[in-house]
Amino acid sequence: MTDKLKLALAVLIVAVGVGGFYFLGGKPELYQWATFLVAAAIAVAVALQSAPGKAAWEFAKGARLELRKVVWPAQKETMQMTLVVFLMVVLVAAFLWGVDLLVYLGVKKITG
């Protein structure tokens, strides 16, 4: 039950931050964004105190750990694959243009 209250409080704090953002509509944008970001930071801090918040934090840490294990391609490989993808896009576009042209000519011949 307390976890639900903590999450509800976090949502309420975000809502207050959004309300503060619009309440300060005539003020400089810095004040508007600062109000919202402070409220969002407080809401995250409150949400992380709940069991679902702690689980989400552990999941994010695990995801970051797995991201570090990824072997990213070298720049040369990236450029080669980008070129291959670009070439395939051009080829498929040309093929579809040709099919469209044939259908257009066929319909034009049938309808006169």
N, C-alpha and C. Protein backbone atom coordinates (compact mmCIF):
# COMPACT_ATOMS: atom_id res chain seq x y z
N MET A 1 0.82 -1.20 0.00
CA MET A 1 0.00 0.00 0.00
C MET A 1 0.86 1.26 0.00
N THR A 2 1.95 1.21 0.77
CA THR A 2 2.79 2.41 0.83
C THR A 2 3.47 2.67 -0.52
N ASP A 3 3.74 1.60 -1.27
CA ASP A 3 4.34 1.79 -2.59
C ASP A 3 3.39 2.54 -3.52
N LYS A 4 2.12 2.18 -3.45
CA LYS A 4 1.13 2.88 -4.27
C LYS A 4 1.04 4.35 -3.88
N LEU A 5 1.11 4.62 -2.59
CA LEU A 5 1.06 6.01 -2.14
C LEU A 5 2.29 6.79 -2.61
N LYS A 6 3.44 6.14 -2.55
CA LYS A 6 4.66 6.81 -3.01
C LYS A 6 4.58 7.12 -4.50
N LEU A 7 4.10 6.16 -5.28
CA LEU A 7 3.97 6.40 -6.72
C LEU A 7 2.91 7.45 -7.02
N ALA A 8 1.81 7.42 -6.27
CA ALA A 8 0.78 8.45 -6.46
C ALA A 8 1.33 9.82 -6.09
N LEU A 9 2.12 9.89 -5.03
CA LEU A 9 2.74 11.15 -4.65
C LEU A 9 3.70 11.63 -5.74
N ALA A 10 4.44 10.72 -6.34
CA ALA A 10 5.35 11.09 -7.42
C ALA A 10 4.58 11.66 -8.60
N VAL A 11 3.47 11.03 -8.96
CA VAL A 11 2.65 11.53 -10.06
C VAL A 11 2.08 12.90 -9.71
N LEU A 12 1.65 13.06 -8.46
CA LEU A 12 1.12 14.35 -8.02
C LEU A 12 2.19 15.44 -8.09
N ILE A 13 3.41 15.10 -7.72
CA ILE A 13 4.50 16.08 -7.78
C ILE A 13 4.78 16.47 -9.22
N VAL A 14 4.75 15.52 -10.14
CA VAL A 14 4.94 15.85 -11.56
C VAL A 14 3.81 16.76 -12.03
N ALA A 15 2.58 16.46 -11.61
CA ALA A 15 1.44 17.30 -11.99
C ALA A 15 1.61 18.72 -11.45
N VAL A 16 2.10 18.84 -10.23
CA VAL A 16 2.35 20.17 -9.67
C VAL A 16 3.45 20.87 -10.47
N GLY A 17 4.46 20.13 -10.89
CA GLY A 17 5.52 20.72 -11.71
C GLY A 17 4.99 21.21 -13.04
N VAL A 18 4.12 20.43 -13.67
CA VAL A 18 3.52 20.86 -14.94
C VAL A 18 2.64 22.08 -14.71
N GLY A 19 1.87 22.06 -13.63
CA GLY A 19 1.05 23.22 -13.29
C GLY A 19 1.90 24.45 -13.04
N GLY A 20 3.01 24.27 -12.33
CA GLY A 20 3.91 25.39 -12.08
C GLY A 20 4.52 25.93 -13.36
N PHE A 21 4.80 25.02 -14.29
CA PHE A 21 5.34 25.42 -15.59
C PHE A 21 4.38 26.38 -16.28
N TYR A 22 3.10 26.01 -16.31
CA TYR A 22 2.12 26.85 -16.99
C TYR A 22 1.73 28.07 -16.15
N PHE A 23 1.80 27.95 -14.83
CA PHE A 23 1.50 29.08 -13.97
C PHE A 23 2.52 30.20 -14.18
N LEU A 24 3.75 29.83 -14.44
CA LEU A 24 4.81 30.81 -14.67
C LEU A 24 4.91 31.17 -16.15
N GLY A 25 3.81 31.12 -16.87
CA GLY A 25 3.80 31.37 -18.31
C GLY A 25 4.33 32.74 -18.71
N GLY A 26 4.13 33.75 -17.89
CA GLY A 26 4.60 35.09 -18.24
C GLY A 26 6.05 35.34 -17.84
N LYS A 27 6.62 34.45 -17.09
CA LYS A 27 8.00 34.61 -16.61
C LYS A 27 8.98 34.06 -17.65
N PRO A 28 10.27 34.30 -17.45
CA PRO A 28 11.26 33.73 -18.37
C PRO A 28 11.18 32.20 -18.40
N GLU A 29 11.51 31.64 -19.56
CA GLU A 29 11.43 30.19 -19.73
C GLU A 29 12.33 29.45 -18.75
N LEU A 30 13.41 30.06 -18.36
CA LEU A 30 14.32 29.42 -17.41
C LEU A 30 13.59 29.06 -16.12
N TYR A 31 12.74 29.96 -15.63
CA TYR A 31 11.99 29.70 -14.41
C TYR A 31 10.97 28.59 -14.62
N GLN A 32 10.34 28.59 -15.79
CA GLN A 32 9.36 27.56 -16.09
C GLN A 32 10.01 26.18 -16.10
N TRP A 33 11.10 26.06 -16.85
CA TRP A 33 11.77 24.77 -16.96
C TRP A 33 12.40 24.35 -15.64
N ALA A 34 12.94 25.31 -14.90
CA ALA A 34 13.54 24.98 -13.61
C ALA A 34 12.48 24.42 -12.67
N THR A 35 11.30 25.02 -12.67
CA THR A 35 10.21 24.54 -11.83
C THR A 35 9.84 23.10 -12.20
N PHE A 36 9.68 22.87 -13.48
CA PHE A 36 9.30 21.52 -13.92
C PHE A 36 10.40 20.51 -13.62
N LEU A 37 11.65 20.85 -13.92
CA LEU A 37 12.75 19.90 -13.73
C LEU A 37 12.98 19.58 -12.25
N VAL A 38 12.85 20.58 -11.39
CA VAL A 38 12.99 20.32 -9.96
C VAL A 38 11.88 19.40 -9.48
N ALA A 39 10.66 19.67 -9.92
CA ALA A 39 9.54 18.80 -9.54
C ALA A 39 9.75 17.39 -10.07
N ALA A 40 10.23 17.27 -11.30
CA ALA A 40 10.47 15.94 -11.88
C ALA A 40 11.56 15.21 -11.10
N ALA A 41 12.61 15.91 -10.71
CA ALA A 41 13.69 15.28 -9.94
C ALA A 41 13.18 14.81 -8.59
N ILE A 42 12.37 15.62 -7.94
CA ILE A 42 11.80 15.22 -6.65
C ILE A 42 10.88 14.01 -6.84
N ALA A 43 10.09 14.02 -7.92
CA ALA A 43 9.18 12.90 -8.19
C ALA A 43 9.97 11.61 -8.43
N VAL A 44 11.06 11.71 -9.16
CA VAL A 44 11.89 10.52 -9.39
C VAL A 44 12.47 10.02 -8.08
N ALA A 45 12.93 10.94 -7.24
CA ALA A 45 13.49 10.55 -5.95
C ALA A 45 12.43 9.85 -5.09
N VAL A 46 11.22 10.36 -5.11
CA VAL A 46 10.13 9.72 -4.34
C VAL A 46 9.79 8.36 -4.94
N ALA A 47 9.70 8.29 -6.27
CA ALA A 47 9.34 7.03 -6.92
C ALA A 47 10.40 5.95 -6.69
N LEU A 48 11.66 6.35 -6.62
CA LEU A 48 12.72 5.37 -6.41
C LEU A 48 12.70 4.77 -5.01
N GLN A 49 11.94 5.36 -4.10
CA GLN A 49 11.82 4.81 -2.75
C GLN A 49 10.83 3.65 -2.69
N SER A 50 10.03 3.47 -3.75
CA SER A 50 9.06 2.38 -3.77
C SER A 50 9.70 1.12 -4.34
N ALA A 51 9.05 -0.01 -4.13
CA ALA A 51 9.57 -1.28 -4.66
C ALA A 51 9.61 -1.28 -6.18
N PRO A 52 8.55 -0.82 -6.88
CA PRO A 52 8.65 -0.77 -8.35
C PRO A 52 9.74 0.19 -8.82
N GLY A 53 9.94 1.27 -8.09
CA GLY A 53 10.99 2.22 -8.46
C GLY A 53 12.37 1.60 -8.29
N LYS A 54 12.55 0.87 -7.20
CA LYS A 54 13.84 0.19 -6.99
C LYS A 54 14.07 -0.87 -8.06
N ALA A 55 13.01 -1.59 -8.42
CA ALA A 55 13.13 -2.61 -9.47
C ALA A 55 13.48 -1.96 -10.81
N ALA A 56 12.86 -0.83 -11.10
CA ALA A 56 13.16 -0.12 -12.35
C ALA A 56 14.61 0.35 -12.36
N TRP A 57 15.09 0.82 -11.21
CA TRP A 57 16.48 1.28 -11.12
C TRP A 57 17.45 0.12 -11.34
N GLU A 58 17.16 -1.03 -10.73
CA GLU A 58 18.01 -2.21 -10.92
C GLU A 58 17.99 -2.66 -12.38
N PHE A 59 16.82 -2.59 -13.01
CA PHE A 59 16.72 -2.95 -14.43
C PHE A 59 17.57 -2.01 -15.27
N ALA A 60 17.51 -0.70 -14.97
CA ALA A 60 18.30 0.27 -15.73
C ALA A 60 19.79 0.02 -15.55
N LYS A 61 20.20 -0.32 -14.32
CA LYS A 61 21.61 -0.61 -14.09
C LYS A 61 22.04 -1.85 -14.86
N GLY A 62 21.19 -2.87 -14.88
CA GLY A 62 21.50 -4.09 -15.63
C GLY A 62 21.56 -3.83 -17.13
N ALA A 63 20.65 -2.99 -17.62
CA ALA A 63 20.65 -2.66 -19.04
C ALA A 63 21.93 -1.90 -19.41
N ARG A 64 22.35 -1.02 -18.54
CA ARG A 64 23.59 -0.28 -18.81
C ARG A 64 24.80 -1.21 -18.80
N LEU A 65 24.79 -2.17 -17.91
CA LEU A 65 25.87 -3.15 -17.86
C LEU A 65 25.92 -3.96 -19.15
N GLU A 66 24.77 -4.39 -19.63
CA GLU A 66 24.71 -5.14 -20.89
C GLU A 66 25.13 -4.27 -22.07
N LEU A 67 24.79 -2.99 -22.02
CA LEU A 67 25.16 -2.08 -23.10
C LEU A 67 26.68 -1.95 -23.20
N ARG A 68 27.35 -2.01 -22.06
CA ARG A 68 28.81 -1.93 -22.08
C ARG A 68 29.44 -3.18 -22.69
N LYS A 69 28.73 -4.29 -22.68
CA LYS A 69 29.26 -5.54 -23.23
C LYS A 69 29.12 -5.61 -24.74
N VAL A 70 28.34 -4.73 -25.32
CA VAL A 70 28.10 -4.77 -26.76
C VAL A 70 29.38 -4.43 -27.51
N VAL A 71 29.68 -5.20 -28.55
CA VAL A 71 30.83 -4.91 -29.40
C VAL A 71 30.31 -4.08 -30.57
N TRP A 72 30.63 -2.81 -30.56
CA TRP A 72 30.14 -1.90 -31.58
C TRP A 72 31.01 -2.02 -32.82
N PRO A 73 30.43 -1.86 -34.01
CA PRO A 73 31.22 -1.96 -35.24
C PRO A 73 32.17 -0.77 -35.38
N ALA A 74 33.25 -1.01 -36.12
CA ALA A 74 34.21 0.06 -36.39
C ALA A 74 33.58 1.04 -37.38
N GLN A 75 34.21 2.20 -37.51
CA GLN A 75 33.67 3.23 -38.39
C GLN A 75 33.62 2.73 -39.84
N LYS A 76 34.64 1.99 -40.25
CA LYS A 76 34.67 1.49 -41.63
C LYS A 76 33.48 0.56 -41.88
N GLU A 77 33.23 -0.36 -40.96
CA GLU A 77 32.09 -1.27 -41.11
C GLU A 77 30.78 -0.50 -41.13
N THR A 78 30.67 0.49 -40.29
CA THR A 78 29.45 1.29 -40.23
C THR A 78 29.21 2.00 -41.55
N MET A 79 30.26 2.58 -42.11
CA MET A 79 30.11 3.29 -43.39
C MET A 79 29.75 2.31 -44.51
N GLN A 80 30.37 1.13 -44.51
CA GLN A 80 30.06 0.14 -45.54
C GLN A 80 28.60 -0.30 -45.46
N MET A 81 28.14 -0.59 -44.27
CA MET A 81 26.75 -1.02 -44.12
C MET A 81 25.78 0.10 -44.45
N THR A 82 26.14 1.33 -44.12
CA THR A 82 25.29 2.47 -44.48
C THR A 82 25.19 2.59 -45.99
N LEU A 83 26.30 2.40 -46.67
CA LEU A 83 26.31 2.46 -48.13
C LEU A 83 25.46 1.34 -48.73
N VAL A 84 25.56 0.14 -48.17
CA VAL A 84 24.76 -0.98 -48.66
C VAL A 84 23.27 -0.70 -48.46
N VAL A 85 22.91 -0.19 -47.31
CA VAL A 85 21.50 0.13 -47.05
C VAL A 85 21.02 1.21 -48.01
N PHE A 86 21.82 2.25 -48.21
CA PHE A 86 21.45 3.32 -49.13
C PHE A 86 21.27 2.78 -50.54
N LEU A 87 22.18 1.92 -50.97
CA LEU A 87 22.09 1.33 -52.31
C LEU A 87 20.82 0.48 -52.45
N MET A 88 20.50 -0.30 -51.43
CA MET A 88 19.29 -1.11 -51.48
C MET A 88 18.04 -0.24 -51.52
N VAL A 89 18.04 0.85 -50.80
CA VAL A 89 16.89 1.77 -50.83
C VAL A 89 16.71 2.33 -52.23
N VAL A 90 17.81 2.72 -52.86
CA VAL A 90 17.73 3.25 -54.23
C VAL A 90 17.23 2.18 -55.19
N LEU A 91 17.74 0.95 -55.07
CA LEU A 91 17.31 -0.13 -55.96
C LEU A 91 15.83 -0.47 -55.77
N VAL A 92 15.38 -0.55 -54.55
CA VAL A 92 13.96 -0.85 -54.30
C VAL A 92 13.09 0.30 -54.80
N ALA A 93 13.53 1.53 -54.61
CA ALA A 93 12.77 2.68 -55.11
C ALA A 93 12.68 2.64 -56.63
N ALA A 94 13.78 2.31 -57.30
CA ALA A 94 13.75 2.22 -58.76
C ALA A 94 12.83 1.09 -59.22
N PHE A 95 12.88 -0.05 -58.53
CA PHE A 95 11.99 -1.16 -58.87
C PHE A 95 10.53 -0.77 -58.71
N LEU A 96 10.20 -0.15 -57.58
CA LEU A 96 8.81 0.26 -57.36
C LEU A 96 8.37 1.32 -58.35
N TRP A 97 9.29 2.22 -58.72
CA TRP A 97 8.96 3.21 -59.74
C TRP A 97 8.65 2.51 -61.07
N GLY A 98 9.44 1.50 -61.42
CA GLY A 98 9.20 0.76 -62.65
C GLY A 98 7.87 0.02 -62.63
N VAL A 99 7.56 -0.63 -61.52
CA VAL A 99 6.28 -1.32 -61.40
C VAL A 99 5.14 -0.32 -61.49
N ASP A 100 5.28 0.81 -60.83
CA ASP A 100 4.24 1.84 -60.87
C ASP A 100 4.06 2.35 -62.30
N LEU A 101 5.16 2.54 -63.02
CA LEU A 101 5.08 3.01 -64.40
C LEU A 101 4.36 1.99 -65.28
N LEU A 102 4.68 0.71 -65.11
CA LEU A 102 4.01 -0.33 -65.90
C LEU A 102 2.51 -0.39 -65.59
N VAL A 103 2.16 -0.29 -64.32
CA VAL A 103 0.74 -0.29 -63.96
C VAL A 103 0.05 0.93 -64.55
N TYR A 104 0.70 2.08 -64.46
CA TYR A 104 0.13 3.31 -65.02
C TYR A 104 -0.10 3.17 -66.52
N LEU A 105 0.92 2.67 -67.24
CA LEU A 105 0.78 2.51 -68.68
C LEU A 105 -0.30 1.49 -69.03
N GLY A 106 -0.39 0.41 -68.25
CA GLY A 106 -1.43 -0.59 -68.49
C GLY A 106 -2.82 -0.02 -68.29
N VAL A 107 -3.00 0.72 -67.20
CA VAL A 107 -4.31 1.32 -66.93
C VAL A 107 -4.63 2.37 -67.98
N LYS A 108 -3.62 3.13 -68.38
CA LYS A 108 -3.84 4.16 -69.40
C LYS A 108 -4.26 3.52 -70.73
N LYS A 109 -3.62 2.39 -71.08
CA LYS A 109 -3.96 1.72 -72.34
C LYS A 109 -5.38 1.14 -72.28
N ILE A 110 -5.75 0.59 -71.12
CA ILE A 110 -7.08 0.00 -70.98
C ILE A 110 -8.17 1.08 -71.01
N THR A 111 -7.94 2.18 -70.30
CA THR A 111 -8.97 3.21 -70.19
C THR A 111 -8.94 4.20 -71.34
N GLY A 112 -7.89 4.19 -72.09
CA GLY A 112 -7.82 5.05 -73.27
C GLY A 112 -7.33 6.36 -72.93
